[in-house]
Amino acid sequence: MRNTRPLGALLLALVLGLTAAAYAASWLQQQSASNTMQVIVAQRDLQMGTRLQPDMLQTLAWPKAAAIQDPLTTLDQAVGRVIHMPVLRGEPLLQSKLAPVGEKGGLSSVLAPGQRAVTVKVNEIVGVAGFALPGNFVDVMVNTPDSQNQPVSKIVIERIQVLAVAQDVSTNESKPRVVNAVTLQVSPQQAEQIDLARSVGTLSLVLRSHSDNIPVQTAGARKLDLLPQVAAAVVVATAAKTVPPRSRAARPVTPSTPTAEPAAPPTPEPARFEVIRGLSVSQE
């Protein structure tokens, strides 16, 4: 009888402990449910223009304290939609990242109204060594002869968004593969400029910061800009050729007149005397 009392107390304590644990777990679950929300996130990195499928998505509890705007909360809201910007693994899907309902996918679904897509053939240098990735912004630079048939490099279009590149989406960003084509989002006027630029010269892409929105006006770079000392020497030599050499002051020129010979002195006449003979006078 004495041995059953401690056993009963132990069982009672065990039951009370289990009840308290279950109550605490239920309370924590309720608190967690009230502090989190279910959102749809990507299971892997997705490129813009991708049509979402169920195996690309998963549901994740997202803390309400880290509020996000217009998230997708069910798979039905996401499946079949097209994303118009890259989405990383574990990143929540937002309404602002999806193309309108009914888009079939591809680049046409990610183009902004009034914009066009143009593809530029590039090499390792032109393609910024493979670091021009979808979603980045680039400037387009052209190298072409100027009006004096001198080579000049000039940025002709600024802050153009990259839509797609000819490389694997799984490529490590620290060691990207060399690309051979880059597709850019441009206006119709910019598309005409790019088509003309690649027909009269060579194109290069200049990677630009996402936060850089300030337009830049440049005069372009020429051969003399690379060698400023040579340029200064050329200017001095050109100036020396244009200045006439210093000369003595010109003297007035008068027409030459023949010098008259000096006149011969007159011959002296012989002396004459008057001779009076009577009434007649004569000179001898």
Protein backbone atom coordinates (compact mmCIF):
# COMPACT_ATOMS: atom_id res chain seq x y z
CA MET A 1 0.00 0.00 0.00
CA ARG A 2 2.82 2.29 0.88
CA ASN A 3 4.56 1.47 -2.46
CA THR A 4 1.53 2.39 -4.57
CA ARG A 5 1.28 5.95 -3.31
CA PRO A 6 4.64 7.10 -4.71
CA LEU A 7 3.84 5.34 -7.97
CA GLY A 8 0.47 7.07 -8.19
CA ALA A 9 2.06 10.45 -7.49
CA LEU A 10 4.65 9.77 -10.18
CA LEU A 11 1.98 8.83 -12.71
CA LEU A 12 -0.04 11.91 -11.78
CA ALA A 13 3.00 14.13 -12.23
CA LEU A 14 3.73 12.49 -15.57
CA VAL A 15 0.18 13.06 -16.78
CA LEU A 16 0.24 16.66 -15.62
CA GLY A 17 3.60 17.20 -17.34
CA LEU A 18 2.36 15.75 -20.60
CA THR A 19 -0.76 17.86 -20.42
CA ALA A 20 1.27 20.99 -19.81
CA ALA A 21 3.62 20.15 -22.67
CA ALA A 22 0.72 19.55 -25.05
CA TYR A 23 -0.89 22.79 -23.97
CA ALA A 24 2.39 24.69 -24.41
CA ALA A 25 2.91 23.17 -27.86
CA SER A 26 -0.62 24.10 -28.86
CA TRP A 27 -0.13 27.61 -27.57
CA LEU A 28 3.17 28.01 -29.40
CA GLN A 29 1.60 26.69 -32.59
CA GLN A 30 -1.23 29.17 -32.29
CA GLN A 31 1.21 31.98 -31.64
CA SER A 32 3.33 30.91 -34.62
CA ALA A 33 0.28 30.73 -36.86
CA SER A 34 -0.79 34.19 -35.79
CA ASN A 35 2.70 35.61 -36.40
CA THR A 36 3.34 33.94 -39.79
CA MET A 37 1.62 33.62 -43.13
CA GLN A 38 1.84 31.09 -45.94
CA VAL A 39 3.55 32.36 -49.10
CA ILE A 40 4.69 30.74 -52.34
CA VAL A 41 8.45 30.72 -52.93
CA ALA A 42 10.66 29.40 -55.72
CA GLN A 43 12.34 26.02 -55.24
CA ARG A 44 15.19 26.99 -57.60
CA ASP A 45 16.50 29.98 -59.51
CA LEU A 46 14.09 30.99 -62.25
CA GLN A 47 14.90 33.11 -65.29
CA MET A 48 12.60 35.84 -66.58
CA GLY A 49 10.05 34.61 -69.07
CA THR A 50 9.65 31.26 -67.27
CA ARG A 51 6.15 29.78 -67.12
CA LEU A 52 5.63 28.55 -63.53
CA GLN A 53 4.97 24.86 -62.87
CA PRO A 54 4.10 23.11 -59.56
CA ASP A 55 7.55 21.48 -59.28
CA MET A 56 9.16 24.96 -59.32
CA LEU A 57 7.25 26.18 -56.25
CA GLN A 58 6.70 25.41 -52.60
CA THR A 59 4.76 26.84 -49.65
CA LEU A 60 6.69 28.49 -46.83
CA ALA A 61 5.72 30.10 -43.52
CA TRP A 62 6.73 33.74 -43.72
CA PRO A 63 6.93 35.95 -40.60
CA LYS A 64 4.36 38.73 -40.61
CA ALA A 65 6.90 41.04 -39.04
CA ALA A 66 8.83 40.99 -42.35
CA ALA A 67 5.87 42.21 -44.37
CA ILE A 68 5.93 41.87 -48.17
CA GLN A 69 3.56 43.47 -50.65
CA ASP A 70 1.06 41.36 -52.62
CA PRO A 71 2.57 37.89 -52.10
CA LEU A 72 1.09 34.76 -53.66
CA THR A 73 -0.39 32.56 -50.93
CA THR A 74 -1.61 29.50 -52.87
CA LEU A 75 -0.19 27.41 -55.69
CA ASP A 76 -3.28 28.04 -57.81
CA GLN A 77 -2.37 31.73 -57.93
CA ALA A 78 1.09 30.97 -59.33
CA VAL A 79 0.86 27.89 -61.58
CA GLY A 80 0.69 28.85 -65.25
CA ARG A 81 1.77 32.45 -64.71
CA VAL A 82 4.89 33.93 -66.33
CA ILE A 83 7.54 35.86 -64.39
CA HIS A 84 9.00 38.99 -66.02
CA MET A 85 12.10 39.23 -63.83
CA PRO A 86 14.59 36.72 -62.41
CA VAL A 87 13.55 34.99 -59.16
CA LEU A 88 16.08 33.38 -56.83
CA ARG A 89 15.66 30.18 -54.85
CA GLY A 90 13.60 30.77 -51.69
CA GLU A 91 12.42 34.20 -52.89
CA PRO A 92 8.68 34.88 -52.42
CA LEU A 93 6.62 35.35 -55.57
CA LEU A 94 4.89 38.73 -55.75
CA GLN A 95 2.18 39.97 -58.06
CA SER A 96 4.56 42.65 -59.33
CA LYS A 97 6.93 39.94 -60.61
CA LEU A 98 4.31 38.21 -62.74
CA ALA A 99 3.13 39.01 -66.24
CA PRO A 100 -0.60 39.59 -66.80
CA VAL A 101 -2.83 36.53 -66.78
CA GLY A 102 -2.98 34.88 -70.19
CA GLU A 103 0.61 35.50 -71.28
CA LYS A 104 2.10 32.43 -72.92
CA GLY A 105 5.65 33.02 -71.78
CA GLY A 106 8.85 33.98 -73.54
CA LEU A 107 10.43 37.39 -73.90
CA SER A 108 7.27 38.96 -75.35
CA SER A 109 5.60 38.52 -71.97
CA VAL A 110 8.29 40.45 -70.10
CA LEU A 111 8.51 43.45 -72.43
CA ALA A 112 7.15 46.70 -71.03
CA PRO A 113 4.48 48.49 -73.09
CA GLY A 114 6.00 50.32 -76.04
CA GLN A 115 9.34 48.51 -75.72
CA ARG A 116 11.11 46.19 -78.13
CA ALA A 117 13.66 43.39 -77.81
CA VAL A 118 16.84 43.49 -79.90
CA THR A 119 19.67 40.95 -79.86
CA VAL A 120 23.29 42.03 -80.13
CA LYS A 121 26.02 39.62 -81.12
CA VAL A 122 28.87 39.93 -78.64
CA ASN A 123 32.19 38.38 -77.72
CA GLU A 124 33.96 38.06 -74.37
CA ILE A 125 34.91 41.75 -74.29
CA VAL A 126 31.68 43.12 -75.72
CA GLY A 127 29.61 41.02 -73.31
CA VAL A 128 31.44 42.41 -70.24
CA ALA A 129 33.19 39.04 -69.82
CA GLY A 130 29.84 37.30 -69.22
CA PHE A 131 28.75 39.46 -66.27
CA ALA A 132 25.91 41.17 -68.19
CA LEU A 133 23.13 39.01 -66.74
CA PRO A 134 19.34 39.25 -67.16
CA GLY A 135 17.98 42.15 -65.15
CA ASN A 136 21.25 44.13 -65.28
CA PHE A 137 21.56 47.53 -66.94
CA VAL A 138 24.16 48.38 -69.56
CA ASP A 139 25.22 51.28 -71.78
CA VAL A 140 25.76 50.69 -75.50
CA MET A 141 29.02 52.08 -76.91
CA VAL A 142 29.94 52.22 -80.60
CA ASN A 143 33.36 52.60 -82.25
CA THR A 144 33.11 54.21 -85.68
CA PRO A 145 34.93 56.78 -87.86
CA ASP A 146 33.86 60.39 -87.37
CA SER A 147 33.30 63.08 -90.03
CA GLN A 148 37.10 63.41 -90.46
CA ASN A 149 37.49 59.64 -90.88
CA GLN A 150 39.14 59.38 -87.45
CA PRO A 151 38.13 56.54 -85.09
CA VAL A 152 35.98 57.59 -82.12
CA SER A 153 34.30 55.60 -79.31
CA LYS A 154 31.08 57.07 -77.95
CA ILE A 155 28.28 55.91 -75.62
CA VAL A 156 25.14 56.26 -77.72
CA ILE A 157 22.45 54.65 -75.51
CA GLU A 158 22.35 54.63 -71.72
CA ARG A 159 20.73 52.37 -69.09
CA ILE A 160 19.38 49.54 -71.22
CA GLN A 161 18.00 46.49 -69.41
CA VAL A 162 19.31 43.04 -70.33
CA LEU A 163 16.46 40.62 -70.99
CA ALA A 164 18.38 37.45 -71.78
CA VAL A 165 21.87 36.16 -72.49
CA ALA A 166 23.07 33.08 -74.33
CA GLN A 167 24.38 31.21 -71.29
CA ASP A 168 23.11 28.65 -68.77
CA VAL A 169 21.02 30.01 -65.91
CA SER A 170 22.91 27.70 -63.54
CA THR A 171 26.27 29.25 -64.39
CA ASN A 172 28.19 30.49 -61.38
CA GLU A 173 28.19 34.31 -61.39
CA SER A 174 31.82 34.37 -60.26
CA LYS A 175 32.90 32.30 -63.29
CA PRO A 176 30.35 32.86 -66.05
CA ARG A 177 30.60 31.27 -69.45
CA VAL A 178 31.47 33.47 -72.41
CA VAL A 179 28.27 34.61 -74.13
CA ASN A 180 27.70 35.13 -77.85
CA ALA A 181 24.41 37.05 -77.80
CA VAL A 182 22.69 39.52 -75.49
CA THR A 183 19.05 40.56 -75.82
CA LEU A 184 18.24 44.12 -74.73
CA GLN A 185 14.97 45.93 -74.01
CA VAL A 186 14.88 49.18 -75.99
CA SER A 187 12.49 51.70 -77.45
CA PRO A 188 11.80 51.67 -81.22
CA GLN A 189 14.14 54.65 -81.73
CA GLN A 190 16.90 52.95 -79.75
CA ALA A 191 16.44 49.77 -81.80
CA GLU A 192 17.05 51.81 -84.96
CA GLN A 193 20.17 53.39 -83.46
CA ILE A 194 21.59 49.99 -82.48
CA ASP A 195 20.92 48.55 -85.93
CA LEU A 196 22.66 51.52 -87.58
CA ALA A 197 25.55 51.45 -85.10
CA ARG A 198 26.41 47.81 -85.69
CA SER A 199 26.35 48.38 -89.47
CA VAL A 200 28.81 51.32 -89.37
CA GLY A 201 31.05 50.23 -86.49
CA THR A 202 31.51 47.80 -83.62
CA LEU A 203 29.39 47.65 -80.47
CA SER A 204 30.43 47.19 -76.84
CA LEU A 205 28.39 46.89 -73.65
CA VAL A 206 29.29 48.84 -70.52
CA LEU A 207 27.90 47.38 -67.28
CA ARG A 208 26.02 49.93 -65.17
CA SER A 209 24.86 50.05 -61.54
CA HIS A 210 21.18 49.48 -60.77
CA SER A 211 21.11 52.65 -58.68
CA ASP A 212 22.77 54.87 -61.31
CA ASN A 213 20.03 56.87 -63.03
CA ILE A 214 22.03 60.00 -63.88
CA PRO A 215 22.54 60.58 -67.63
CA VAL A 216 26.09 61.28 -68.74
CA GLN A 217 27.06 63.49 -71.67
CA THR A 218 30.50 62.78 -73.17
CA ALA A 219 32.30 64.00 -76.26
CA GLY A 220 33.63 60.54 -77.07
CA ALA A 221 37.21 59.29 -77.01
CA ARG A 222 39.62 59.68 -79.93
CA LYS A 223 43.14 58.50 -80.67
CA LEU A 224 44.71 61.77 -79.52
CA ASP A 225 42.89 61.42 -76.15
CA LEU A 226 44.96 58.30 -75.50
CA LEU A 227 48.27 60.11 -76.16
CA PRO A 228 47.89 63.65 -74.77
CA GLN A 229 51.61 64.48 -75.12
CA VAL A 230 51.58 63.55 -78.79
CA ALA A 231 48.43 65.61 -79.25
CA ALA A 232 50.10 68.67 -77.72
CA ALA A 233 53.10 68.23 -80.04
CA VAL A 234 50.81 68.00 -83.05
CA VAL A 235 49.03 71.20 -82.04
CA VAL A 236 52.33 73.06 -81.66
CA ALA A 237 53.60 71.82 -85.03
CA THR A 238 50.36 72.81 -86.74
CA ALA A 239 50.49 76.28 -85.20
CA ALA A 240 54.09 76.73 -86.36
CA LYS A 241 53.11 75.92 -89.93
CA THR A 242 50.31 78.44 -89.98
CA VAL A 243 52.43 81.40 -88.70
CA PRO A 244 54.51 83.09 -91.54
CA PRO A 245 58.28 83.41 -90.90
CA ARG A 246 59.55 86.70 -89.53
CA SER A 247 61.14 88.95 -92.22
CA ARG A 248 62.86 92.33 -92.37
CA ALA A 249 60.73 95.38 -92.85
CA ALA A 250 60.19 95.94 -96.52
CA ARG A 251 61.65 99.10 -97.85
CA PRO A 252 59.65 101.20 -100.28
CA VAL A 253 60.74 100.52 -103.82
CA THR A 254 60.94 103.49 -106.18
CA PRO A 255 61.27 103.11 -109.90
CA SER A 256 64.82 103.55 -111.08
CA THR A 257 65.55 106.52 -113.38
CA PRO A 258 68.55 106.74 -115.67
CA THR A 259 71.29 108.92 -114.26
CA ALA A 260 71.97 111.97 -116.46
CA GLU A 261 75.61 112.50 -117.44
CA PRO A 262 77.09 115.74 -116.12
CA ALA A 263 77.16 118.52 -118.74
CA ALA A 264 80.59 119.57 -120.04
CA PRO A 265 81.73 122.96 -118.79
CA PRO A 266 81.37 125.75 -121.40
CA THR A 267 84.46 126.62 -123.38
CA PRO A 268 85.63 130.13 -122.47
CA GLU A 269 85.54 132.61 -125.32
CA PRO A 270 88.80 134.34 -126.21
CA ALA A 271 89.24 137.81 -124.85
CA ARG A 272 88.32 140.65 -127.21
CA PHE A 273 89.64 144.25 -127.19
CA GLU A 274 88.12 147.34 -128.66
CA VAL A 275 90.40 149.21 -130.98
CA ILE A 276 89.57 152.86 -131.93
CA ARG A 277 91.06 154.11 -135.09
CA GLY A 278 89.96 157.61 -135.77
CA LEU A 279 86.26 157.56 -136.02
CA SER A 280 85.91 153.76 -136.33
CA VAL A 281 85.73 151.28 -133.48
CA SER A 282 86.52 147.57 -133.92
CA GLN A 283 87.05 144.55 -131.72
CA GLU A 284 90.09 142.37 -131.94
